[in-house]
Amino acid sequence: MKAREMIITVVLSLFIGAITTWYIAKKEIAAQKDEAAECLVREASFCGGQDLGGLRINMVECNGKEELCLCGDPNMLKKGLK
């Protein structure tokens, strides 16, 4: 009887562990998908303006003030500032 009880205990423990791991992984994947979607929406609103040959310029509202947003390769900006 002891061996049988031990096998049942191990099998049930593995089953519970697998279900718990699956549930946690499912929640993490859903959270990452939500975060990625939110990031894409934010990027579209910040960097969706006019294309200026490799740079994009847009007016955005930040803390109640309208500001200019430049998006693109930072190296292009550094070259232009020298």
C-alpha atoms as a PDB file:
ATOM      1  CA  MET A   1       0.000   0.000   0.000  1.00  0.00           C
ATOM      2  CA  LYS A   2       2.812   2.462   0.769  1.00  0.00           C
ATOM      3  CA  ALA A   3       4.274   2.291  -2.756  1.00  0.00           C
ATOM      4  CA  ARG A   4       0.854   2.772  -4.336  1.00  0.00           C
ATOM      5  CA  GLU A   5       0.137   5.825  -2.156  1.00  0.00           C
ATOM      6  CA  MET A   6       3.557   7.246  -2.990  1.00  0.00           C
ATOM      7  CA  ILE A   7       2.965   6.824  -6.754  1.00  0.00           C
ATOM      8  CA  ILE A   8      -0.472   8.478  -6.513  1.00  0.00           C
ATOM      9  CA  THR A   9       1.015  11.350  -4.501  1.00  0.00           C
ATOM     10  CA  VAL A  10       3.807  11.910  -7.028  1.00  0.00           C
ATOM     11  CA  VAL A  11       1.433  11.761 -10.020  1.00  0.00           C
ATOM     12  CA  LEU A  12      -1.020  14.186  -8.398  1.00  0.00           C
ATOM     13  CA  SER A  13       1.804  16.549  -7.452  1.00  0.00           C
ATOM     14  CA  LEU A  14       3.148  16.548 -11.011  1.00  0.00           C
ATOM     15  CA  PHE A  15      -0.353  17.134 -12.374  1.00  0.00           C
ATOM     16  CA  ILE A  16      -1.003  20.057 -10.019  1.00  0.00           C
ATOM     17  CA  GLY A  17       2.436  21.520 -10.808  1.00  0.00           C
ATOM     18  CA  ALA A  18       1.849  21.258 -14.556  1.00  0.00           C
ATOM     19  CA  ILE A  19      -1.587  22.911 -14.322  1.00  0.00           C
ATOM     20  CA  THR A  20      -0.193  25.714 -12.142  1.00  0.00           C
ATOM     21  CA  THR A  21       2.731  26.323 -14.507  1.00  0.00           C
ATOM     22  CA  TRP A  22       0.402  26.403 -17.515  1.00  0.00           C
ATOM     23  CA  TYR A  23      -1.935  28.896 -15.800  1.00  0.00           C
ATOM     24  CA  ILE A  24       0.912  31.229 -14.783  1.00  0.00           C
ATOM     25  CA  ALA A  25       2.480  31.052 -18.267  1.00  0.00           C
ATOM     26  CA  LYS A  26      -0.895  31.790 -19.880  1.00  0.00           C
ATOM     27  CA  LYS A  27      -1.349  34.890 -17.691  1.00  0.00           C
ATOM     28  CA  GLU A  28       2.202  36.117 -18.451  1.00  0.00           C
ATOM     29  CA  ILE A  29       1.757  35.658 -22.215  1.00  0.00           C
ATOM     30  CA  ALA A  30      -1.549  37.556 -22.120  1.00  0.00           C
ATOM     31  CA  ALA A  31       0.075  40.381 -20.122  1.00  0.00           C
ATOM     32  CA  GLN A  32       2.958  40.608 -22.605  1.00  0.00           C
ATOM     33  CA  LYS A  33       0.546  40.719 -25.563  1.00  0.00           C
ATOM     34  CA  ASP A  34      -1.418  43.536 -23.883  1.00  0.00           C
ATOM     35  CA  GLU A  35       1.804  45.432 -23.176  1.00  0.00           C
ATOM     36  CA  ALA A  36       3.000  45.008 -26.773  1.00  0.00           C
ATOM     37  CA  ALA A  37      -0.342  46.220 -28.153  1.00  0.00           C
ATOM     38  CA  GLU A  38      -0.262  49.233 -25.837  1.00  0.00           C
ATOM     39  CA  CYS A  39       3.285  50.023 -26.945  1.00  0.00           C
ATOM     40  CA  LEU A  40       2.293  49.887 -30.636  1.00  0.00           C
ATOM     41  CA  VAL A  41      -0.610  52.276 -30.015  1.00  0.00           C
ATOM     42  CA  ARG A  42       1.683  54.666 -28.145  1.00  0.00           C
ATOM     43  CA  GLU A  43       4.303  54.474 -30.920  1.00  0.00           C
ATOM     44  CA  ALA A  44       1.696  55.154 -33.592  1.00  0.00           C
ATOM     45  CA  SER A  45       0.476  58.237 -31.763  1.00  0.00           C
ATOM     46  CA  PHE A  46       3.976  59.583 -31.067  1.00  0.00           C
ATOM     47  CA  CYS A  47       5.725  58.711 -34.295  1.00  0.00           C
ATOM     48  CA  GLY A  48       2.938  58.816 -36.859  1.00  0.00           C
ATOM     49  CA  GLY A  49       3.560  62.323 -38.206  1.00  0.00           C
ATOM     50  CA  GLN A  50       5.105  63.559 -41.435  1.00  0.00           C
ATOM     51  CA  ASP A  51       8.022  61.704 -42.991  1.00  0.00           C
ATOM     52  CA  LEU A  52      11.080  63.914 -43.573  1.00  0.00           C
ATOM     53  CA  GLY A  53      13.374  61.478 -45.346  1.00  0.00           C
ATOM     54  CA  GLY A  54      14.206  59.011 -42.589  1.00  0.00           C
ATOM     55  CA  LEU A  55      12.862  61.133 -39.740  1.00  0.00           C
ATOM     56  CA  ARG A  56       9.259  61.560 -38.692  1.00  0.00           C
ATOM     57  CA  ILE A  57       7.943  64.678 -36.989  1.00  0.00           C
ATOM     58  CA  ASN A  58       4.708  64.953 -35.038  1.00  0.00           C
ATOM     59  CA  MET A  59       3.062  67.233 -32.492  1.00  0.00           C
ATOM     60  CA  VAL A  60       2.040  65.365 -29.319  1.00  0.00           C
ATOM     61  CA  GLU A  61       0.399  66.404 -26.083  1.00  0.00           C
ATOM     62  CA  CYS A  62       2.505  65.699 -23.015  1.00  0.00           C
ATOM     63  CA  ASN A  63       1.474  66.817 -19.508  1.00  0.00           C
ATOM     64  CA  GLY A  64      -1.078  69.202 -20.978  1.00  0.00           C
ATOM     65  CA  LYS A  65       1.431  70.911 -23.297  1.00  0.00           C
ATOM     66  CA  GLU A  66       1.916  70.418 -27.015  1.00  0.00           C
ATOM     67  CA  GLU A  67       5.425  69.257 -27.879  1.00  0.00           C
ATOM     68  CA  LEU A  68       7.355  68.331 -30.996  1.00  0.00           C
ATOM     69  CA  CYS A  69       8.281  64.659 -31.352  1.00  0.00           C
ATOM     70  CA  LEU A  70      11.102  63.529 -33.663  1.00  0.00           C
ATOM     71  CA  CYS A  71      11.397  59.838 -34.417  1.00  0.00           C
ATOM     72  CA  GLY A  72      14.079  58.064 -36.363  1.00  0.00           C
ATOM     73  CA  ASP A  73      17.676  56.916 -36.241  1.00  0.00           C
ATOM     74  CA  PRO A  74      19.544  58.815 -33.463  1.00  0.00           C
ATOM     75  CA  ASN A  75      22.720  58.761 -35.582  1.00  0.00           C
ATOM     76  CA  MET A  76      20.979  60.884 -38.225  1.00  0.00           C
ATOM     77  CA  LEU A  77      20.150  63.484 -35.591  1.00  0.00           C
ATOM     78  CA  LYS A  78      23.709  63.488 -34.237  1.00  0.00           C
ATOM     79  CA  LYS A  79      25.136  64.052 -37.718  1.00  0.00           C
ATOM     80  CA  GLY A  80      22.721  66.912 -38.316  1.00  0.00           C
ATOM     81  CA  LEU A  81      23.611  68.651 -35.036  1.00  0.00           C
ATOM     82  CA  LYS A  82      27.378  68.811 -35.698  1.00  0.00           C
END
